[in-house]
């Protein structure tokens, strides 16, 4: 797209208008993006939008005050996907220098279709309404979503370098901001009221919840408030770490297992019911899905050299400051490896993933929280200072897999 103009253009000039049908607005915004690097929409109103808007490098979208994006169902025969996604996500190709400002989104009951062998515009594990996979230099600013459903996250960012999310209000039944592997992030000035995690730092996760596997490092979470409203067993911050395994003929695998071969990494996508499967045929396909030995596999880490894919995914160098947690919780922050029917993120004998240099400065708990932090994995340099965390504790749970 080297012929795109660098000046600001009004999306209305390309047909992006209130009261237009959803597909018309999706197509219009896509035309504007293909034509220019800087696109704004400033006419107040509700803009129905269906389908997925793919964003190339060097794109900056700005939505003015009173501009509301309302998701509507895609036309018959088209799978629902993410609302916004970088175009390189489908190919394992990094995009750079993208910003979205002022996006006020009404989910309107629309969620992404489940990824499957028939999916063409849905990536396994990428479930954010605003989703970026393989991204450098990302800025999301003044984002509001308050009607999240049970399935899709508000914002999802994975395989990133330098991602910043500022001034957000995210509410509903799923994660507010969900990070996969990457380094260098900031979440600033956020307000959350979510039934699931407000912020997830998931180095390892279910095969249908994270597109890739790997470590997260060098992040700041500051000036954030979690509002009361939902009674939930989720967490303000979840840090989920784990390990992958190398493929061996005859090995047992379970739903969500991450398996590394000479051709790359593959995830098991079966029913989450603790059923073991014996893998006899090594996954070696280049892209997509394949059933082998009655096991459904999906290829992950597109664009990676197999030698670059880690076997251990940990988390380090995270600063959390000026945090207010209003709701009652059993655990405020959970740092752990999972071992259940949805995900066995660690296997005995593997290198233990490490969580290190995690600090909390000026945290206020406004309601009873039984355990401010709960841990069941290896942690070093965990710091709490200048915080009002009376009548709570740090719980160190036994990990039966170590």
Protein backbone atom coordinates (compact mmCIF):
# COMPACT_ATOMS: atom_id res chain seq x y z
CA UNK A 1 0.00 0.00 0.00
CA UNK A 2 2.82 2.40 -0.85
CA UNK A 3 0.43 4.64 -2.79
CA UNK A 4 -1.63 5.57 0.27
CA UNK A 5 -1.75 9.29 0.98
CA UNK A 6 -0.36 10.51 4.29
CA UNK A 7 -2.82 13.34 4.95
CA UNK A 8 -5.95 12.93 7.10
CA UNK A 9 -9.13 11.92 5.28
CA UNK A 10 -12.72 11.82 6.44
CA UNK A 11 -14.20 8.33 6.32
CA UNK A 12 -17.55 9.89 5.38
CA UNK A 13 -16.08 10.76 1.99
CA UNK A 14 -15.75 7.03 1.36
CA UNK A 15 -19.32 6.23 2.47
CA UNK A 16 -18.81 5.54 6.18
CA UNK A 17 -22.00 7.09 7.58
CA UNK A 18 -24.59 6.68 10.35
CA UNK A 19 -27.69 4.72 9.32
CA UNK A 20 -25.86 2.85 6.56
CA UNK A 21 -26.12 -0.95 6.54
CA UNK A 22 -23.37 -2.79 8.38
CA UNK A 23 -21.62 -4.22 5.33
CA UNK A 24 -21.68 -0.86 3.55
CA UNK A 25 -19.91 0.77 6.49
CA UNK A 26 -17.36 -2.04 6.76
CA UNK A 27 -16.58 -1.72 3.05
CA UNK A 28 -16.43 2.08 3.25
CA UNK A 29 -14.00 2.10 6.17
CA UNK A 30 -11.88 -0.49 4.40
CA UNK A 31 -11.74 1.72 1.29
CA UNK A 32 -10.66 4.68 3.37
CA UNK A 33 -7.92 2.63 5.01
CA UNK A 34 -6.65 1.46 1.63
CA UNK A 35 -6.49 5.07 0.46
CA UNK A 36 -4.89 6.89 3.39
CA UNK A 37 -2.82 6.44 6.52
CA UNK A 38 -4.87 8.82 8.71
CA UNK A 39 -8.65 8.34 8.78
CA UNK A 40 -11.16 10.08 10.99
CA UNK A 41 -14.92 9.94 11.49
CA UNK A 42 -16.43 12.94 13.25
CA UNK A 43 -20.14 12.92 12.50
CA UNK A 44 -21.96 11.87 15.67
CA UNK A 45 -24.31 8.92 15.36
CA UNK A 46 -24.60 5.15 15.47
CA UNK A 47 -22.65 3.37 12.74
CA UNK A 48 -23.76 -0.20 12.14
CA UNK A 49 -20.80 -2.28 11.07
CA UNK A 50 -20.56 -5.95 10.14
CA UNK A 51 -17.67 -8.11 9.08
CA UNK A 52 -14.01 -7.50 9.87
CA UNK A 53 -11.93 -4.40 9.19
CA UNK A 54 -8.35 -5.40 8.34
CA UNK A 55 -5.72 -2.81 9.21
CA UNK A 56 -2.32 -2.55 7.49
CA UNK A 57 0.85 -0.98 8.84
CA UNK A 58 1.00 2.80 9.24
CA UNK A 59 -2.73 3.22 9.83
CA UNK A 60 -4.28 5.62 12.31
CA UNK A 61 -8.04 5.57 12.95
CA UNK A 62 -9.73 8.28 14.98
CA UNK A 63 -13.40 8.34 15.94
CA UNK A 64 -14.80 11.62 17.22
CA UNK A 65 -17.08 12.35 20.14
CA UNK A 66 -20.53 10.84 19.70
CA UNK A 67 -19.40 8.31 17.08
CA UNK A 68 -20.65 4.87 18.14
CA UNK A 69 -19.79 1.65 16.31
CA UNK A 70 -22.53 -0.97 16.65
CA UNK A 71 -21.72 -4.50 15.58
CA UNK A 72 -24.40 -6.24 13.52
CA UNK A 73 -24.43 -9.78 12.21
CA UNK A 74 -22.54 -10.56 9.04
CA UNK A 75 -24.40 -11.49 5.88
CA UNK A 76 -25.52 -15.08 5.48
CA UNK A 77 -22.65 -17.40 4.62
CA UNK A 78 -19.97 -15.23 6.25
CA UNK A 79 -18.43 -16.21 9.58
CA UNK A 80 -18.27 -13.59 12.29
CA UNK A 81 -14.72 -12.55 13.11
CA UNK A 82 -13.00 -9.78 15.00
CA UNK A 83 -14.20 -6.24 14.41
CA UNK A 84 -10.70 -4.79 14.00
CA UNK A 85 -7.61 -6.87 13.23
CA UNK A 86 -4.22 -6.22 11.66
CA UNK A 87 -3.99 -7.77 8.21
CA UNK A 88 -0.74 -9.64 8.92
CA UNK A 89 -2.37 -11.68 11.67
CA UNK A 90 -3.63 -14.22 9.13
CA UNK A 91 -0.18 -14.83 7.65
CA UNK A 92 2.27 -14.63 10.55
CA UNK A 93 3.50 -11.25 9.28
CA UNK A 94 4.16 -8.32 11.60
CA UNK A 95 2.43 -4.99 11.12
CA UNK A 96 3.77 -1.76 12.58
CA UNK A 97 2.66 1.70 13.65
CA UNK A 98 -1.10 1.32 14.12
CA UNK A 99 -3.38 3.38 16.35
CA UNK A 100 -7.11 3.41 17.08
CA UNK A 101 -8.51 6.31 19.08
CA UNK A 102 -12.00 6.99 20.34
CA UNK A 103 -13.63 3.67 19.40
CA UNK A 104 -16.91 3.38 21.33
CA UNK A 105 -18.18 -0.09 20.43
CA UNK A 106 -21.54 -1.68 21.13
CA UNK A 107 -21.12 -5.46 20.88
CA UNK A 108 -24.86 -5.88 20.35
CA UNK A 109 -24.70 -9.64 20.98
CA UNK A 110 -22.27 -10.28 18.09
CA UNK A 111 -19.36 -12.61 18.82
CA UNK A 112 -16.77 -14.35 16.68
CA UNK A 113 -17.52 -17.77 15.25
CA UNK A 114 -15.65 -20.68 16.75
CA UNK A 115 -12.43 -21.37 14.87
CA UNK A 116 -12.53 -24.66 12.99
CA UNK A 117 -11.03 -26.37 9.92
CA UNK A 118 -13.60 -24.49 7.80
CA UNK A 119 -12.67 -21.05 9.16
CA UNK A 120 -11.28 -18.54 6.71
CA UNK A 121 -11.35 -15.27 8.60
CA UNK A 122 -11.25 -16.63 12.18
CA UNK A 123 -7.93 -17.39 13.87
CA UNK A 124 -7.88 -20.06 16.57
CA UNK A 125 -7.51 -18.38 19.96
CA UNK A 126 -7.93 -14.80 18.70
CA UNK A 127 -11.21 -13.68 20.25
CA UNK A 128 -10.91 -9.92 20.80
CA UNK A 129 -13.36 -7.46 19.28
CA UNK A 130 -10.21 -5.38 18.82
CA UNK A 131 -7.49 -7.93 18.06
CA UNK A 132 -3.84 -7.67 17.10
CA UNK A 133 -1.50 -10.58 16.42
CA UNK A 134 2.09 -9.93 15.22
CA UNK A 135 2.20 -6.20 15.96
CA UNK A 136 4.85 -3.59 16.72
CA UNK A 137 4.12 -0.08 17.95
CA UNK A 138 0.42 -0.19 18.74
CA UNK A 139 -1.62 2.53 20.46
CA UNK A 140 -5.23 2.02 21.56
CA UNK A 141 -6.67 5.11 23.20
CA UNK A 142 -10.09 6.17 24.53
CA UNK A 143 -11.77 2.80 23.94
CA UNK A 144 -15.16 1.96 25.44
CA UNK A 145 -17.00 -1.37 25.37
CA UNK A 146 -19.58 -2.02 28.08
CA UNK A 147 -21.67 -4.97 26.85
CA UNK A 148 -19.19 -7.83 26.52
CA UNK A 149 -20.78 -11.25 26.10
CA UNK A 150 -19.53 -14.58 27.51
CA UNK A 151 -17.07 -15.43 24.75
CA UNK A 152 -15.03 -12.57 23.26
CA UNK A 153 -12.55 -10.26 24.94
CA UNK A 154 -12.76 -6.51 24.48
CA UNK A 155 -9.08 -6.13 23.49
CA UNK A 156 -6.61 -8.90 22.67
CA UNK A 157 -2.94 -8.36 21.82
CA UNK A 158 -0.47 -11.17 21.13
CA UNK A 159 3.05 -11.49 19.73
CA UNK A 160 3.70 -7.82 20.25
CA UNK A 161 6.46 -5.30 20.81
CA UNK A 162 5.56 -1.92 22.28
CA UNK A 163 1.79 -1.95 22.81
CA UNK A 164 0.03 0.81 24.74
CA UNK A 165 -3.61 0.87 25.87
CA UNK A 166 -4.77 4.14 27.45
CA UNK A 167 -8.04 5.47 28.84
CA UNK A 168 -10.41 2.54 28.46
CA UNK A 169 -13.73 1.58 30.00
CA UNK A 170 -14.46 -2.12 29.56
CA UNK A 171 -17.41 -3.93 31.10
CA UNK A 172 -19.29 -7.18 30.66
CA UNK A 173 -18.90 -10.92 30.91
CA UNK A 174 -15.43 -11.59 29.45
CA UNK A 175 -11.84 -10.30 29.72
CA UNK A 176 -11.20 -6.60 29.39
CA UNK A 177 -7.62 -6.70 28.06
CA UNK A 178 -6.09 -10.06 27.19
CA UNK A 179 -2.36 -10.24 26.40
CA UNK A 180 -0.59 -13.16 24.81
CA UNK A 181 3.19 -13.39 24.40
CA UNK A 182 5.17 -10.22 23.81
CA UNK A 183 7.33 -7.57 25.41
CA UNK A 184 6.94 -3.92 26.21
CA UNK A 185 3.37 -2.94 27.10
CA UNK A 186 1.48 -0.33 29.09
CA UNK A 187 -2.11 -0.23 30.35
CA UNK A 188 -2.95 3.20 31.72
CA UNK A 189 -6.08 4.88 33.08
CA UNK A 190 -8.43 1.94 32.77
CA UNK A 191 -11.84 1.33 34.34
CA UNK A 192 -13.06 -2.28 34.38
CA UNK A 193 -16.16 -4.15 35.44
CA UNK A 194 -15.80 -7.64 33.98
CA UNK A 195 -17.10 -11.01 35.08
CA UNK A 196 -13.88 -12.59 33.81
CA UNK A 197 -10.38 -11.09 34.18
CA UNK A 198 -9.95 -7.36 33.95
CA UNK A 199 -6.41 -7.89 32.65
CA UNK A 200 -4.97 -11.25 31.59
CA UNK A 201 -1.26 -11.85 31.02
CA UNK A 202 -1.59 -15.31 29.58
CA UNK A 203 1.70 -16.72 28.39
CA UNK A 204 -0.03 -20.09 28.05
CA UNK A 205 -3.77 -20.50 27.68
CA UNK A 206 -6.45 -22.72 26.21
CA UNK A 207 -5.96 -23.53 22.53
CA UNK A 208 -9.16 -21.59 21.83
CA UNK A 209 -8.15 -18.59 23.97
CA UNK A 210 -4.59 -17.70 22.91
CA UNK A 211 -3.36 -17.81 19.31
CA UNK A 212 0.27 -18.47 20.36
CA UNK A 213 2.40 -19.53 23.32
CA UNK A 214 5.32 -17.61 24.85
CA UNK A 215 6.62 -15.29 27.54
CA UNK A 216 5.38 -11.82 28.49
CA UNK A 217 7.77 -9.18 29.84
CA UNK A 218 8.39 -5.52 30.55
CA UNK A 219 4.95 -4.10 31.28
CA UNK A 220 3.29 -1.34 33.28
CA UNK A 221 -0.29 -1.39 34.58
CA UNK A 222 -1.14 1.90 36.26
CA UNK A 223 -3.99 4.15 37.32
CA UNK A 224 -6.60 1.43 36.94
CA UNK A 225 -9.83 0.78 38.83
CA UNK A 226 -11.95 -2.34 39.00
CA UNK A 227 -15.55 -1.49 39.80
CA UNK A 228 -17.83 -3.66 41.90
CA UNK A 229 -20.70 -5.35 40.15
CA UNK A 230 -19.99 -9.04 39.49
CA UNK A 231 -19.38 -11.85 41.95
CA UNK A 232 -16.77 -13.92 40.18
CA UNK A 233 -13.97 -16.41 40.65
CA UNK A 234 -11.90 -14.61 38.03
CA UNK A 235 -9.21 -12.08 38.89
CA UNK A 236 -8.20 -8.46 38.47
CA UNK A 237 -4.93 -9.71 37.00
CA UNK A 238 -4.36 -13.29 35.83
CA UNK A 239 -0.81 -14.45 35.07
CA UNK A 240 -0.96 -17.89 33.49
CA UNK A 241 2.35 -19.55 32.57
CA UNK A 242 3.31 -22.95 31.27
CA UNK A 243 5.41 -25.26 29.14
CA UNK A 244 5.13 -26.95 25.79
CA UNK A 245 6.39 -30.45 25.00
CA UNK A 246 8.36 -31.93 22.13
CA UNK A 247 6.50 -34.47 20.06
CA UNK A 248 7.27 -38.15 20.61
CA UNK A 249 5.61 -41.04 18.84
CA UNK A 250 3.01 -42.65 21.09
CA UNK A 251 2.78 -39.71 23.50
CA UNK A 252 -0.49 -38.94 25.22
CA UNK A 253 -1.98 -35.56 24.52
CA UNK A 254 -5.01 -33.70 25.85
CA UNK A 255 -7.16 -30.77 24.79
CA UNK A 256 -5.08 -27.56 24.54
CA UNK A 257 -1.67 -29.28 24.70
CA UNK A 258 1.11 -27.32 22.95
CA UNK A 259 3.42 -29.65 21.02
CA UNK A 260 6.64 -28.62 19.27
CA UNK A 261 7.90 -30.56 16.25
CA UNK A 262 10.61 -29.93 13.67
CA UNK A 263 7.96 -28.12 11.59
CA UNK A 264 6.68 -25.80 14.32
CA UNK A 265 4.11 -25.73 17.11
CA UNK A 266 0.70 -27.36 17.06
CA UNK A 267 -2.18 -27.24 19.55
CA UNK A 268 -4.75 -29.93 20.31
CA UNK A 269 -8.35 -28.77 19.85
CA UNK A 270 -10.75 -31.39 21.20
CA UNK A 271 -13.52 -31.45 23.80
CA UNK A 272 -12.38 -30.28 27.25
CA UNK A 273 -13.23 -33.53 29.05
CA UNK A 274 -9.86 -34.96 30.19
CA UNK A 275 -9.84 -37.56 27.39
CA UNK A 276 -6.29 -38.72 26.55
CA UNK A 277 -5.34 -39.27 22.91
CA UNK A 278 -2.34 -41.20 21.60
CA UNK A 279 -0.37 -39.34 18.94
CA UNK A 280 1.28 -41.70 16.45
CA UNK A 281 1.55 -39.40 13.42
CA UNK A 282 3.73 -36.33 13.84
CA UNK A 283 1.99 -33.03 12.89
CA UNK A 284 3.99 -31.51 10.04
CA UNK A 285 1.55 -29.44 7.96
CA UNK A 286 2.32 -25.83 7.10
CA UNK A 287 -0.89 -24.04 7.99
CA UNK A 288 -4.44 -24.51 9.22
CA UNK A 289 -5.97 -27.63 10.70
CA UNK A 290 -5.59 -31.37 10.28
CA UNK A 291 -6.97 -34.48 11.94
CA UNK A 292 -4.34 -37.14 12.66
CA UNK A 293 -4.99 -40.31 14.65
CA UNK A 294 -8.39 -38.95 15.61
CA UNK A 295 -6.76 -35.81 17.07
CA UNK A 296 -7.60 -32.37 15.68
CA UNK A 297 -4.51 -30.17 15.46
CA UNK A 298 -4.13 -26.49 14.58
CA UNK A 299 -0.84 -24.93 13.49
CA UNK A 300 0.21 -21.91 15.55
CA UNK A 301 3.15 -19.49 15.46
CA UNK A 302 2.87 -18.76 11.76
CA UNK A 303 5.96 -16.95 10.55
CA UNK A 304 8.19 -18.37 13.27
CA UNK A 305 11.21 -20.50 12.60
CA UNK A 306 10.71 -23.67 14.69
CA UNK A 307 13.97 -22.93 16.49
CA UNK A 308 12.54 -19.62 17.72
CA UNK A 309 9.52 -21.16 19.44
CA UNK A 310 10.00 -21.51 23.21
CA UNK A 311 9.23 -24.57 25.28
CA UNK A 312 8.79 -22.50 28.45
CA UNK A 313 6.60 -19.42 28.81
CA UNK A 314 7.06 -17.23 31.89
CA UNK A 315 6.38 -13.64 32.91
CA UNK A 316 8.77 -10.99 34.23
CA UNK A 317 9.31 -7.29 34.89
CA UNK A 318 5.71 -6.16 35.47
CA UNK A 319 4.94 -3.00 37.46
CA UNK A 320 1.40 -2.47 38.80
CA UNK A 321 0.80 0.88 40.50
CA UNK A 322 -2.08 3.07 41.57
CA UNK A 323 -4.60 0.23 41.45
CA UNK A 324 -8.03 0.28 43.14
CA UNK A 325 -10.03 -2.94 43.48
CA UNK A 326 -13.62 -2.41 44.64
CA UNK A 327 -15.29 -5.86 44.45
CA UNK A 328 -15.03 -8.72 46.90
CA UNK A 329 -12.84 -11.50 45.62
CA UNK A 330 -11.29 -14.74 46.77
CA UNK A 331 -8.12 -13.91 44.82
CA UNK A 332 -7.19 -10.50 43.47
CA UNK A 333 -4.16 -11.64 41.44
CA UNK A 334 -3.52 -15.24 40.44
CA UNK A 335 -0.08 -16.44 39.26
CA UNK A 336 -0.21 -20.09 38.28
CA UNK A 337 0.01 -23.08 35.99
CA UNK A 338 -3.26 -24.75 35.08
CA UNK A 339 -4.00 -28.46 35.24
CA UNK A 340 -7.59 -29.27 34.38
CA UNK A 341 -9.78 -30.40 31.51
CA UNK A 342 -9.38 -27.06 29.72
CA UNK A 343 -5.60 -26.74 29.90
CA UNK A 344 -2.67 -28.69 31.27
CA UNK A 345 -0.17 -25.87 31.00
CA UNK A 346 2.66 -27.68 32.77
CA UNK A 347 3.88 -31.27 32.60
CA UNK A 348 6.01 -32.92 35.26
CA UNK A 349 9.67 -33.04 34.27
CA UNK A 350 9.55 -29.92 32.12
CA UNK A 351 11.50 -26.81 33.00
CA UNK A 352 9.43 -24.85 35.51
CA UNK A 353 8.27 -21.49 34.11
CA UNK A 354 9.41 -18.55 36.21
CA UNK A 355 7.54 -15.43 37.19
CA UNK A 356 9.92 -12.72 38.42
CA UNK A 357 10.11 -9.04 39.26
CA UNK A 358 6.39 -8.38 39.77
CA UNK A 359 5.70 -5.28 41.86
CA UNK A 360 2.57 -3.66 43.31
CA UNK A 361 2.74 -0.03 44.42
CA UNK A 362 -0.18 1.90 45.92
CA UNK A 363 -2.87 -0.78 45.69
CA UNK A 364 -6.15 -0.21 47.51
CA UNK A 365 -8.58 -3.03 48.31
CA UNK A 366 -11.95 -1.47 49.10
CA UNK A 367 -13.79 -4.72 49.91
CA UNK A 368 -12.69 -8.00 51.47
CA UNK A 369 -10.26 -9.97 49.32
CA UNK A 370 -9.32 -13.27 50.92
CA UNK A 371 -5.99 -13.56 49.10
CA UNK A 372 -4.59 -10.45 47.45
CA UNK A 373 -2.16 -12.68 45.54
CA UNK A 374 -2.32 -16.45 45.07
CA UNK A 375 0.61 -18.38 43.60
CA UNK A 376 1.17 -22.00 42.59
CA UNK A 377 4.30 -21.68 40.46
CA UNK A 378 7.87 -20.48 40.85
CA UNK A 379 8.04 -16.77 41.73
CA UNK A 380 10.94 -14.51 42.64
CA UNK A 381 11.08 -10.83 43.59
CA UNK A 382 7.42 -10.24 44.36
CA UNK A 383 7.06 -6.76 45.90
CA UNK A 384 4.15 -4.92 47.57
CA UNK A 385 4.71 -1.35 48.82
CA UNK A 386 2.63 1.68 49.84
CA UNK A 387 -0.58 -0.37 49.69
CA UNK A 388 -3.79 -0.69 51.68
CA UNK A 389 -4.24 -4.45 51.77
CA UNK A 390 -5.39 -5.06 55.34
CA UNK A 391 -6.89 -8.40 56.36
CA UNK A 392 -5.66 -10.24 53.30
CA UNK A 393 -2.62 -12.37 52.55
CA UNK A 394 -0.45 -13.99 49.89
CA UNK A 395 -1.43 -17.62 49.37
CA UNK A 396 1.20 -20.08 48.14
CA UNK A 397 -0.63 -23.14 46.84
CA UNK A 398 0.91 -26.55 46.33
CA UNK A 399 1.49 -27.45 42.70
CA UNK A 400 1.00 -31.18 42.34
CA UNK A 401 2.88 -31.31 39.03
CA UNK A 402 6.26 -30.03 40.25
